N, C-alpha and C. Protein backbone atom coordinates (compact mmCIF):
# COMPACT_ATOMS: atom_id res chain seq x y z
N MET A 1 -0.81 8.40 -12.63
CA MET A 1 -0.81 7.35 -11.60
C MET A 1 -1.60 6.21 -11.90
N ALA A 2 -1.16 5.03 -11.55
CA ALA A 2 -1.97 3.92 -11.82
C ALA A 2 -3.23 3.81 -10.77
N THR A 3 -4.28 3.05 -11.57
CA THR A 3 -5.43 2.65 -10.73
C THR A 3 -4.98 1.42 -9.75
N LEU A 4 -4.87 1.65 -8.56
CA LEU A 4 -4.36 0.77 -7.60
C LEU A 4 -5.11 -0.57 -7.23
N GLY A 5 -4.77 -1.95 -6.97
CA GLY A 5 -5.34 -2.93 -6.68
C GLY A 5 -4.58 -3.91 -5.98
N ILE A 6 -4.93 -4.67 -4.89
CA ILE A 6 -3.92 -5.71 -4.54
C ILE A 6 -3.53 -6.80 -5.44
N GLN A 7 -2.18 -6.88 -5.72
CA GLN A 7 -1.85 -7.71 -6.52
C GLN A 7 -1.37 -8.89 -6.09
N GLU A 8 -0.85 -9.04 -4.86
CA GLU A 8 -0.82 -10.17 -3.77
C GLU A 8 -0.38 -9.55 -2.42
N TRP A 9 -0.63 -10.76 -1.75
CA TRP A 9 -0.42 -10.36 -0.22
C TRP A 9 0.72 -11.39 0.12
N LYS A 10 1.61 -10.76 1.19
CA LYS A 10 2.97 -11.54 1.51
C LYS A 10 2.53 -11.26 3.22
N ARG A 11 3.17 -12.32 3.74
CA ARG A 11 3.27 -12.55 5.33
C ARG A 11 4.65 -12.36 5.90
N THR A 12 4.83 -11.67 6.59
CA THR A 12 6.26 -11.58 7.06
C THR A 12 5.98 -11.99 8.75
N GLU A 13 7.03 -12.06 9.74
CA GLU A 13 6.85 -12.67 11.02
C GLU A 13 5.96 -11.43 11.56
N ARG A 14 6.01 -10.49 11.18
CA ARG A 14 5.26 -9.42 11.90
C ARG A 14 4.01 -8.61 11.30
N GLN A 15 4.06 -8.68 9.83
CA GLN A 15 3.15 -7.88 8.98
C GLN A 15 2.43 -8.82 7.94
N TYR A 16 1.45 -8.34 7.84
CA TYR A 16 0.44 -8.92 6.64
C TYR A 16 0.82 -7.87 5.36
N VAL A 17 1.31 -7.80 4.35
CA VAL A 17 1.67 -6.88 3.17
C VAL A 17 1.00 -6.96 2.23
N ALA A 18 0.12 -5.93 1.84
CA ALA A 18 -0.70 -6.11 0.40
C ALA A 18 0.25 -5.24 -0.57
N ILE A 19 0.64 -6.08 -1.47
CA ILE A 19 1.44 -5.28 -2.61
C ILE A 19 0.41 -4.81 -3.65
N LEU A 20 0.62 -3.51 -3.69
CA LEU A 20 -0.54 -2.60 -4.57
C LEU A 20 0.12 -2.56 -6.18
N GLN A 21 1.34 -2.22 -6.26
CA GLN A 21 1.77 -2.36 -7.65
C GLN A 21 3.50 -2.64 -7.78
N SER A 22 3.69 -2.96 -9.02
CA SER A 22 5.00 -3.58 -9.04
C SER A 22 6.22 -2.82 -8.78
N ILE A 23 7.20 -3.24 -7.99
CA ILE A 23 8.20 -2.57 -7.42
C ILE A 23 9.00 -1.71 -8.92
N GLU A 24 8.93 -2.27 -9.74
CA GLU A 24 9.53 -2.08 -11.14
C GLU A 24 9.05 -0.56 -11.40
N ARG A 25 7.71 -0.05 -11.08
CA ARG A 25 7.40 1.12 -11.40
C ARG A 25 7.97 2.08 -10.79
N PHE A 26 8.88 1.95 -9.76
CA PHE A 26 9.23 3.15 -8.70
C PHE A 26 10.91 3.16 -9.02
N GLU A 27 11.21 4.21 -8.70
CA GLU A 27 12.79 4.68 -8.74
C GLU A 27 13.53 3.64 -7.68
N PRO A 28 14.45 3.05 -8.24
CA PRO A 28 15.07 2.19 -7.01
C PRO A 28 15.51 2.95 -5.68
N GLY A 29 15.53 2.33 -4.59
CA GLY A 29 15.72 2.77 -3.37
C GLY A 29 14.81 3.97 -2.88
N THR A 30 13.76 4.16 -3.37
CA THR A 30 12.60 5.37 -2.74
C THR A 30 11.57 4.79 -2.21
N ILE A 31 11.39 3.47 -1.85
CA ILE A 31 10.24 2.84 -1.23
C ILE A 31 10.63 3.31 0.34
N ARG A 32 9.52 3.77 0.99
CA ARG A 32 9.81 4.26 2.42
C ARG A 32 8.29 4.21 3.03
N GLU A 33 8.29 4.48 4.24
CA GLU A 33 7.22 4.56 5.04
C GLU A 33 6.69 6.01 4.86
N ILE A 34 5.42 6.06 4.51
CA ILE A 34 4.81 7.33 3.88
C ILE A 34 3.84 7.79 4.93
N GLU A 35 3.04 6.69 5.63
CA GLU A 35 2.28 7.30 6.61
C GLU A 35 1.94 6.07 7.41
N LYS A 36 1.70 6.30 8.73
CA LYS A 36 1.63 4.98 9.83
C LYS A 36 0.74 5.51 10.91
N HIS A 37 -0.28 4.75 11.36
CA HIS A 37 -1.12 4.88 12.30
C HIS A 37 -1.88 3.58 12.65
N HIS A 38 -2.16 3.34 14.03
CA HIS A 38 -3.07 2.30 14.51
C HIS A 38 -2.52 0.90 13.85
N GLY A 39 -1.35 0.61 13.95
CA GLY A 39 -0.92 -0.77 12.99
C GLY A 39 -0.95 -0.92 11.76
N GLN A 40 -1.38 0.29 11.13
CA GLN A 40 -1.30 0.14 9.59
C GLN A 40 -0.19 1.10 8.79
N THR A 41 0.57 0.42 7.99
CA THR A 41 1.52 1.34 7.44
C THR A 41 1.33 1.67 5.81
N ILE A 42 1.38 2.83 5.30
CA ILE A 42 1.46 2.74 3.74
C ILE A 42 3.05 2.95 3.49
N LEU A 43 3.34 2.21 2.48
CA LEU A 43 4.52 2.44 2.03
C LEU A 43 4.68 2.91 0.60
N GLY A 44 5.47 3.75 0.07
CA GLY A 44 5.42 4.48 -0.90
C GLY A 44 6.74 4.64 -1.74
N GLY A 45 7.00 5.18 -2.78
CA GLY A 45 8.00 5.47 -3.49
C GLY A 45 7.82 6.36 -4.56
N ILE A 46 8.94 6.71 -5.45
CA ILE A 46 8.83 7.67 -6.65
C ILE A 46 8.61 7.09 -7.67
N LEU A 47 7.69 7.22 -8.59
CA LEU A 47 7.26 6.55 -9.94
C LEU A 47 8.33 6.98 -10.92
N ARG A 48 9.09 6.10 -11.49
CA ARG A 48 10.01 5.92 -12.48
C ARG A 48 9.88 7.46 -13.24
N GLY A 49 10.92 7.78 -13.75
CA GLY A 49 10.58 9.25 -14.66
C GLY A 49 9.82 10.29 -14.29
N THR A 50 9.32 10.23 -13.03
CA THR A 50 8.54 11.60 -12.27
C THR A 50 9.07 11.95 -11.24
N ASP A 51 8.59 12.75 -10.57
CA ASP A 51 8.67 13.36 -9.12
C ASP A 51 7.59 13.04 -8.14
N VAL A 52 6.46 11.98 -8.46
CA VAL A 52 5.48 11.78 -7.95
C VAL A 52 5.62 10.68 -7.20
N THR A 53 5.33 10.61 -5.93
CA THR A 53 5.34 9.63 -4.90
C THR A 53 3.73 8.84 -4.91
N ASP A 54 3.90 7.55 -4.96
CA ASP A 54 2.69 6.60 -5.13
C ASP A 54 2.70 5.77 -4.04
N TRP A 55 1.48 5.09 -3.91
CA TRP A 55 1.75 4.14 -2.85
C TRP A 55 2.30 2.73 -3.73
N TYR A 56 3.12 2.01 -2.89
CA TYR A 56 3.53 0.79 -3.21
C TYR A 56 2.87 -0.34 -2.49
N ALA A 57 2.59 -0.27 -1.38
CA ALA A 57 2.30 -1.12 -0.40
C ALA A 57 1.23 -0.84 0.75
N LEU A 58 0.64 -1.67 1.40
CA LEU A 58 -0.01 -1.55 2.69
C LEU A 58 0.42 -2.51 3.59
N ALA A 59 0.69 -2.24 4.77
CA ALA A 59 1.37 -3.34 5.74
C ALA A 59 0.44 -2.88 7.29
N PHE A 60 0.33 -4.05 7.60
CA PHE A 60 -0.76 -4.41 8.86
C PHE A 60 0.01 -5.16 9.91
N ASP A 61 0.05 -4.53 11.06
CA ASP A 61 0.56 -5.15 12.31
C ASP A 61 0.06 -6.64 12.58
N ARG A 62 0.67 -7.91 12.53
CA ARG A 62 -0.04 -9.25 12.84
C ARG A 62 -0.24 -9.12 14.41
N ASN A 63 0.02 -8.31 15.12
CA ASN A 63 -0.09 -8.32 16.61
C ASN A 63 -1.55 -7.58 16.82
N GLU A 64 -1.91 -6.74 15.95
CA GLU A 64 -2.81 -5.71 16.17
C GLU A 64 -4.26 -6.36 15.26
N TRP A 65 -3.94 -7.05 14.01
CA TRP A 65 -5.01 -7.41 13.22
C TRP A 65 -4.90 -8.69 12.56
N GLU A 66 -6.24 -9.35 12.77
CA GLU A 66 -6.35 -10.74 12.00
C GLU A 66 -6.05 -10.71 10.42
N PHE A 67 -5.82 -11.72 9.50
CA PHE A 67 -5.66 -11.52 8.23
C PHE A 67 -6.80 -10.97 7.70
N GLU A 68 -8.12 -11.55 8.00
CA GLU A 68 -9.55 -10.86 7.33
C GLU A 68 -9.78 -9.48 7.62
N GLU A 69 -9.25 -8.97 8.79
CA GLU A 69 -9.28 -7.75 9.32
C GLU A 69 -8.44 -6.69 8.41
N ALA A 70 -7.23 -7.18 8.09
CA ALA A 70 -6.16 -6.58 7.27
C ALA A 70 -6.70 -6.50 6.02
N ARG A 71 -7.37 -7.48 5.47
CA ARG A 71 -7.90 -7.43 4.09
C ARG A 71 -9.00 -6.33 4.04
N ALA A 72 -9.99 -6.33 5.10
CA ALA A 72 -11.06 -5.26 4.92
C ALA A 72 -10.40 -3.88 5.00
N LEU A 73 -9.43 -3.65 5.98
CA LEU A 73 -8.91 -2.56 6.25
C LEU A 73 -7.92 -2.01 4.63
N ALA A 74 -7.57 -2.93 4.11
CA ALA A 74 -6.79 -2.72 2.90
C ALA A 74 -7.64 -2.27 1.87
N ARG A 75 -8.86 -2.78 1.77
CA ARG A 75 -9.92 -2.45 0.64
C ARG A 75 -10.43 -0.90 1.04
N GLN A 76 -10.56 -0.76 2.53
CA GLN A 76 -11.03 0.55 2.77
C GLN A 76 -10.10 1.68 2.37
N ALA A 77 -8.62 1.49 2.64
CA ALA A 77 -7.63 2.30 2.31
C ALA A 77 -7.61 2.58 0.91
N LEU A 78 -7.83 1.46 0.27
CA LEU A 78 -7.71 1.87 -1.41
C LEU A 78 -8.91 2.64 -1.84
N ASP A 79 -10.17 2.38 -1.40
CA ASP A 79 -11.51 3.18 -1.50
C ASP A 79 -10.95 4.71 -1.28
N ARG A 80 -10.34 5.04 -0.10
CA ARG A 80 -9.91 6.26 0.36
C ARG A 80 -9.00 6.91 -0.78
N TYR A 81 -8.00 6.04 -1.25
CA TYR A 81 -7.08 6.47 -2.14
C TYR A 81 -7.79 6.68 -3.34
N ARG A 82 -8.62 5.82 -4.00
CA ARG A 82 -9.45 6.18 -5.19
C ARG A 82 -10.29 7.43 -5.15
N ALA A 83 -10.75 7.62 -3.89
CA ALA A 83 -11.65 8.85 -3.69
C ALA A 83 -10.77 10.15 -3.71
N SER A 84 -9.78 9.78 -3.16
CA SER A 84 -8.91 11.18 -3.13
C SER A 84 -8.36 11.59 -4.64
N HIS A 85 -7.88 10.58 -5.18
CA HIS A 85 -7.34 10.76 -6.57
C HIS A 85 -8.58 10.57 -7.80
N HIS A 86 -9.69 10.76 -7.44
CA HIS A 86 -10.85 10.78 -8.21
C HIS A 86 -10.84 9.48 -9.18
N LEU A 87 -10.72 8.58 -8.54
CA LEU A 87 -10.53 7.19 -9.59
C LEU A 87 -11.73 6.32 -9.30
N GLN A 88 -12.03 5.48 -10.36
CA GLN A 88 -13.25 4.70 -10.23
C GLN A 88 -12.48 3.33 -9.71
N PRO A 89 -13.36 2.67 -8.80
CA PRO A 89 -12.74 1.23 -8.48
C PRO A 89 -12.41 0.07 -9.42
């Protein structure tokens, strides 16, 4: 698994989306919602050539969070990811 970091932010009509790694790293058609709670969604997919599901992006409901709050929440989520995967920031 890659050491994740925010590659870019996208804004849709409803969400702020933090892209964590290139879509090219994933098997086509495998990106899906893998966890959702309190206006935060983790999108993930199967890494190419493996059976491993990894995070692709974090999405935050714009009706519940301001952009700066979403940025802080994304950093916290990445810290939890790194801790659970025993990775350095």
